[in-house]
Amino acid sequence: LGFLTLASPAMLRSGPNFRPLVDELRRLGWEDGRNVVFVFPSEQVHAQGFDAAAKQLVADKVDVIYCAHEIAASAAQRATKTVPIVAWVSAAVELGFAKSLARPGGNVTGFVGQSYDEQGKVMSLLREIRPGLSRVGVSMFSELRESRTWFEVTAAAGRAAGIQVVP
């Protein structure tokens, strides 16, 4: 199981999501070093290194590549059309990783954090929770196309609700 993320191997192994993954795999009969191996890039990967790291995972003959964020998923998609890619992105369909959430097609599947379609509802809920709300700040990674697109959709939903959305 290859990992392609912004986090270093040490960060991944000590993070809040890794232990539950290992525990669930063990419950299902998969144990690290016995019948499953976790493969990490040799050092922390930054945006400019994802293509090389993805190619290395493919060369290492991993059975699945797990990607967090758009940059990693894009690199993995460029590196292979056959190895299954499990991606955690907020806009799998909009960014071209999947044809639809129900039937992704290709070799990319995964998790969607928050759908773009939900942004109008989020703005309505914010307005309901805080009447008179006129401005909302959002946190984003401006270098990620995924974040920029998410921000544009959120800002449009905000405008429709009479709320200014600022990065």
Protein backbone atom coordinates (compact mmCIF):
# COMPACT_ATOMS: atom_id res chain seq x y z
CA LEU A 1 0.00 0.00 0.00
CA GLY A 2 1.76 3.12 -1.23
CA PHE A 3 1.20 6.52 0.34
CA LEU A 4 1.55 9.77 -1.60
CA THR A 5 0.87 12.77 0.62
CA LEU A 6 2.41 16.03 1.82
CA ALA A 7 3.16 14.41 5.18
CA SER A 8 6.43 12.69 5.97
CA PRO A 9 6.36 8.96 6.79
CA ALA A 10 6.87 9.79 10.48
CA MET A 11 3.96 12.24 10.41
CA LEU A 12 1.74 9.69 8.69
CA ARG A 13 2.58 6.89 11.10
CA SER A 14 1.95 9.12 14.14
CA GLY A 15 -1.12 10.87 12.71
CA PRO A 16 -4.65 10.32 13.99
CA ASN A 17 -5.81 8.33 10.94
CA PHE A 18 -2.97 5.84 10.55
CA ARG A 19 -3.48 3.81 13.74
CA PRO A 20 -7.21 3.17 13.00
CA LEU A 21 -6.22 2.04 9.47
CA VAL A 22 -3.60 -0.37 10.84
CA ASP A 23 -6.01 -1.64 13.50
CA GLU A 24 -8.81 -2.26 10.99
CA LEU A 25 -6.47 -3.96 8.53
CA ARG A 26 -5.21 -6.19 11.36
CA ARG A 27 -8.81 -7.01 12.30
CA LEU A 28 -9.34 -8.08 8.68
CA GLY A 29 -6.23 -10.28 8.76
CA TRP A 30 -3.69 -7.89 7.19
CA GLU A 31 -0.51 -7.20 9.17
CA ASP A 32 2.29 -4.79 8.28
CA GLY A 33 5.35 -6.76 7.23
CA ARG A 34 3.51 -10.09 7.04
CA ASN A 35 0.94 -9.79 4.24
CA VAL A 36 0.81 -6.04 3.68
CA VAL A 37 3.63 -3.51 3.39
CA PHE A 38 3.22 0.23 3.79
CA VAL A 39 5.40 2.05 1.27
CA PHE A 40 6.25 5.71 1.82
CA PRO A 41 8.40 8.06 -0.25
CA SER A 42 11.87 8.22 1.29
CA GLU A 43 11.46 11.81 2.47
CA GLN A 44 8.72 14.38 2.82
CA VAL A 45 7.26 15.05 -0.62
CA HIS A 46 6.56 18.56 -1.76
CA ALA A 47 4.53 19.58 -4.81
CA GLN A 48 7.54 19.47 -7.15
CA GLY A 49 8.42 15.93 -6.07
CA PHE A 50 5.08 14.17 -6.45
CA ASP A 51 5.63 12.99 -10.03
CA ALA A 52 8.90 11.25 -9.13
CA ALA A 53 7.42 9.78 -5.96
CA ALA A 54 4.36 8.46 -7.84
CA LYS A 55 6.57 6.86 -10.50
CA GLN A 56 8.66 5.27 -7.74
CA LEU A 57 5.57 3.77 -6.10
CA VAL A 58 4.54 2.30 -9.46
CA ALA A 59 8.08 0.95 -9.97
CA ASP A 60 7.90 -0.55 -6.46
CA LYS A 61 4.83 -2.46 -7.73
CA VAL A 62 2.46 -1.33 -5.00
CA ASP A 63 -1.05 -2.75 -5.31
CA VAL A 64 -2.81 0.49 -4.29
CA ILE A 65 -1.74 4.14 -4.04
CA TYR A 66 -3.39 6.29 -1.38
CA CYS A 67 -3.27 10.02 -2.16
CA ALA A 68 -4.20 12.97 -0.04
CA HIS A 69 -4.81 16.17 -2.00
CA GLU A 70 -5.15 17.02 -5.63
CA ILE A 71 -1.42 17.33 -6.42
CA ALA A 72 -0.73 13.78 -5.24
CA ALA A 73 -3.75 12.33 -7.04
CA SER A 74 -2.79 14.12 -10.27
CA ALA A 75 0.77 12.78 -10.07
CA ALA A 76 -0.46 9.25 -9.38
CA GLN A 77 -2.91 9.48 -12.27
CA ARG A 78 -0.09 10.56 -14.58
CA ALA A 79 2.12 7.72 -13.33
CA THR A 80 -0.34 4.87 -13.86
CA LYS A 81 -3.60 3.95 -15.52
CA THR A 82 -3.68 0.46 -13.99
CA VAL A 83 -2.73 0.67 -10.29
CA PRO A 84 -5.82 1.57 -8.23
CA ILE A 85 -5.61 5.05 -6.73
CA VAL A 86 -7.60 5.92 -3.61
CA ALA A 87 -7.72 9.71 -3.39
CA TRP A 88 -8.99 12.09 -0.76
CA VAL A 89 -9.97 15.20 -2.69
CA SER A 90 -12.89 17.56 -2.28
CA ALA A 91 -13.83 17.72 -5.96
CA ALA A 92 -13.14 14.37 -7.62
CA VAL A 93 -15.64 14.89 -10.43
CA GLU A 94 -14.99 18.60 -10.98
CA LEU A 95 -11.23 18.05 -11.16
CA GLY A 96 -11.53 15.13 -13.58
CA PHE A 97 -10.48 12.29 -11.27
CA ALA A 98 -13.86 10.57 -11.60
CA LYS A 99 -16.73 10.59 -14.08
CA SER A 100 -19.22 10.58 -11.20
CA LEU A 101 -19.20 9.76 -7.49
CA ALA A 102 -21.44 6.74 -8.05
CA ARG A 103 -19.39 5.38 -10.97
CA PRO A 104 -15.90 6.89 -10.95
CA GLY A 105 -14.53 4.90 -13.92
CA GLY A 106 -10.80 4.63 -14.57
CA ASN A 107 -8.44 3.67 -11.78
CA VAL A 108 -9.21 6.51 -9.33
CA THR A 109 -11.71 6.20 -6.51
CA GLY A 110 -11.77 7.56 -3.01
CA PHE A 111 -13.26 9.94 -0.53
CA VAL A 112 -14.88 13.33 -0.96
CA GLY A 113 -14.47 15.68 1.97
CA GLN A 114 -17.15 18.21 1.15
CA SER A 115 -19.05 18.38 -2.10
CA TYR A 116 -19.24 21.65 -4.00
CA ASP A 117 -23.00 21.18 -4.12
CA GLU A 118 -23.13 21.63 -0.35
CA GLN A 119 -21.71 25.15 -0.27
CA GLY A 120 -25.10 26.84 -0.76
CA LYS A 121 -26.46 24.87 2.20
CA VAL A 122 -23.41 25.79 4.28
CA MET A 123 -24.00 29.49 3.60
CA SER A 124 -27.70 29.13 4.46
CA LEU A 125 -26.81 27.40 7.72
CA LEU A 126 -24.27 30.07 8.60
CA ARG A 127 -26.90 32.75 7.93
CA GLU A 128 -29.39 30.86 10.12
CA ILE A 129 -26.90 30.36 12.96
CA ARG A 130 -25.71 33.96 12.86
CA PRO A 131 -28.38 36.36 11.55
CA GLY A 132 -26.79 39.46 10.08
CA LEU A 133 -23.65 37.60 9.06
CA SER A 134 -22.08 39.51 6.18
CA ARG A 135 -18.51 38.23 5.86
CA VAL A 136 -16.85 34.80 6.25
CA GLY A 137 -13.16 33.95 6.07
CA VAL A 138 -12.01 30.57 4.75
CA SER A 139 -8.68 28.83 5.01
CA MET A 140 -7.19 27.49 1.78
CA PHE A 141 -4.01 26.40 0.01
CA SER A 142 -3.84 28.89 -2.85
CA GLU A 143 -1.31 26.75 -4.77
CA LEU A 144 -3.85 23.92 -5.13
CA ARG A 145 -6.30 24.11 -8.02
CA GLU A 146 -8.70 22.14 -5.81
CA SER A 147 -8.59 24.88 -3.15
CA ARG A 148 -8.96 27.70 -5.66
CA THR A 149 -11.96 26.00 -7.29
CA TRP A 150 -13.50 25.26 -3.89
CA PHE A 151 -13.03 28.89 -2.90
CA GLU A 152 -14.68 30.14 -6.13
CA VAL A 153 -17.69 27.88 -5.58
CA THR A 154 -17.91 28.90 -1.92
CA ALA A 155 -17.64 32.60 -2.80
CA ALA A 156 -20.43 32.23 -5.40
CA ALA A 157 -22.63 30.48 -2.83
CA GLY A 158 -21.84 33.26 -0.39
CA ARG A 159 -22.80 35.95 -2.90
CA ALA A 160 -26.11 34.19 -3.51
CA ALA A 161 -26.73 34.25 0.26
CA GLY A 162 -25.56 37.85 0.67
CA ILE A 163 -22.34 36.84 2.41
CA GLN A 164 -18.88 37.99 1.33
CA VAL A 165 -16.38 35.10 1.41
CA VAL A 166 -12.72 36.05 1.76
CA PRO A 167 -9.60 33.87 1.76
